[in-house]
Amino acid sequence: METIKVDILNPKVRKLLKDLADLDLIAIRKYDKSDFSEILKKLRAKSVTAPSPDEIASEVEAVRS
């Protein structure tokens, strides 16, 4: 499974996406910023110390490459 973010520029595309979802070819979920906040809270609760900005940057670069 691959997750992507799509910006809908033409309202007609919404119907096309709904049709694809009805055929079980894609899943449409609302993005809620609180979901990300909850994930961060869970990760931080399990961590003894918070990662430094350098550690975060190195992890981001590793994922990007």
C-alpha atoms as a PDB file:
ATOM      1  CA  MET A   1       0.000   0.000   0.000  1.00  0.00           C
ATOM      2  CA  GLU A   2       1.217   3.486  -0.809  1.00  0.00           C
ATOM      3  CA  THR A   3      -0.119   6.665   0.748  1.00  0.00           C
ATOM      4  CA  ILE A   4      -0.124   9.962  -1.100  1.00  0.00           C
ATOM      5  CA  LYS A   5      -1.613  13.393  -0.554  1.00  0.00           C
ATOM      6  CA  VAL A   6      -3.800  14.714  -3.378  1.00  0.00           C
ATOM      7  CA  ASP A   7      -4.883  18.330  -3.827  1.00  0.00           C
ATOM      8  CA  ILE A   8      -8.150  18.411  -5.757  1.00  0.00           C
ATOM      9  CA  LEU A   9      -8.086  21.252  -8.279  1.00  0.00           C
ATOM     10  CA  ASN A  10     -11.215  20.338 -10.210  1.00  0.00           C
ATOM     11  CA  PRO A  11     -14.408  19.477  -8.278  1.00  0.00           C
ATOM     12  CA  LYS A  12     -15.258  16.746 -10.814  1.00  0.00           C
ATOM     13  CA  VAL A  13     -12.285  14.757  -9.584  1.00  0.00           C
ATOM     14  CA  ARG A  14     -13.988  14.235  -6.221  1.00  0.00           C
ATOM     15  CA  LYS A  15     -16.645  12.102  -7.953  1.00  0.00           C
ATOM     16  CA  LEU A  16     -13.970  10.104  -9.779  1.00  0.00           C
ATOM     17  CA  LEU A  17     -12.197   9.425  -6.499  1.00  0.00           C
ATOM     18  CA  LYS A  18     -15.470   8.401  -4.852  1.00  0.00           C
ATOM     19  CA  ASP A  19     -16.145   6.002  -7.740  1.00  0.00           C
ATOM     20  CA  LEU A  20     -12.691   4.444  -7.276  1.00  0.00           C
ATOM     21  CA  ALA A  21     -13.375   4.086  -3.563  1.00  0.00           C
ATOM     22  CA  ASP A  22     -16.730   2.425  -4.302  1.00  0.00           C
ATOM     23  CA  LEU A  23     -14.868  -0.138  -6.422  1.00  0.00           C
ATOM     24  CA  ASP A  24     -12.504  -0.772  -3.474  1.00  0.00           C
ATOM     25  CA  LEU A  25      -9.551   0.399  -5.542  1.00  0.00           C
ATOM     26  CA  ILE A  26      -8.633   3.206  -3.158  1.00  0.00           C
ATOM     27  CA  ALA A  27      -9.491   4.271   0.381  1.00  0.00           C
ATOM     28  CA  ILE A  28     -10.371   7.855   1.185  1.00  0.00           C
ATOM     29  CA  ARG A  29      -9.696   9.155   4.674  1.00  0.00           C
ATOM     30  CA  LYS A  30     -10.021  12.632   6.061  1.00  0.00           C
ATOM     31  CA  TYR A  31      -6.729  14.051   7.235  1.00  0.00           C
ATOM     32  CA  ASP A  32      -6.931  15.323  10.760  1.00  0.00           C
ATOM     33  CA  LYS A  33      -4.012  17.192  12.268  1.00  0.00           C
ATOM     34  CA  SER A  34      -4.923  15.791  15.668  1.00  0.00           C
ATOM     35  CA  ASP A  35      -4.067  12.290  14.363  1.00  0.00           C
ATOM     36  CA  PHE A  36      -0.464  13.379  13.937  1.00  0.00           C
ATOM     37  CA  SER A  37      -0.477  14.982  17.381  1.00  0.00           C
ATOM     38  CA  GLU A  38      -1.720  11.763  18.952  1.00  0.00           C
ATOM     39  CA  ILE A  39       1.021   9.759  17.266  1.00  0.00           C
ATOM     40  CA  LEU A  40       3.631  12.192  18.542  1.00  0.00           C
ATOM     41  CA  LYS A  41       2.241  11.974  22.072  1.00  0.00           C
ATOM     42  CA  LYS A  42       2.424   8.169  21.987  1.00  0.00           C
ATOM     43  CA  LEU A  43       5.986   8.186  20.680  1.00  0.00           C
ATOM     44  CA  ARG A  44       7.115  10.772  23.186  1.00  0.00           C
ATOM     45  CA  ALA A  45       5.472   8.905  26.066  1.00  0.00           C
ATOM     46  CA  LYS A  46       7.567   5.818  25.297  1.00  0.00           C
ATOM     47  CA  SER A  47      10.822   7.726  24.893  1.00  0.00           C
ATOM     48  CA  VAL A  48      13.177   8.437  27.760  1.00  0.00           C
ATOM     49  CA  THR A  49      14.504  11.578  26.072  1.00  0.00           C
ATOM     50  CA  ALA A  50      13.290  13.606  23.125  1.00  0.00           C
ATOM     51  CA  PRO A  51      15.448  13.435  19.992  1.00  0.00           C
ATOM     52  CA  SER A  52      17.631  16.425  19.230  1.00  0.00           C
ATOM     53  CA  PRO A  53      17.006  18.510  16.100  1.00  0.00           C
ATOM     54  CA  ASP A  54      20.154  16.984  14.570  1.00  0.00           C
ATOM     55  CA  GLU A  55      18.837  13.453  15.176  1.00  0.00           C
ATOM     56  CA  ILE A  56      15.516  14.378  13.602  1.00  0.00           C
ATOM     57  CA  ALA A  57      17.242  15.937  10.585  1.00  0.00           C
ATOM     58  CA  SER A  58      19.469  12.898  10.062  1.00  0.00           C
ATOM     59  CA  GLU A  59      16.442  10.563  10.253  1.00  0.00           C
ATOM     60  CA  VAL A  60      14.529  12.690   7.730  1.00  0.00           C
ATOM     61  CA  GLU A  61      17.487  12.658   5.353  1.00  0.00           C
ATOM     62  CA  ALA A  62      17.810   8.880   5.704  1.00  0.00           C
ATOM     63  CA  VAL A  63      14.139   8.399   4.794  1.00  0.00           C
ATOM     64  CA  ARG A  64      14.383  10.794   1.852  1.00  0.00           C
ATOM     65  CA  SER A  65      17.330   8.956   0.320  1.00  0.00           C
END
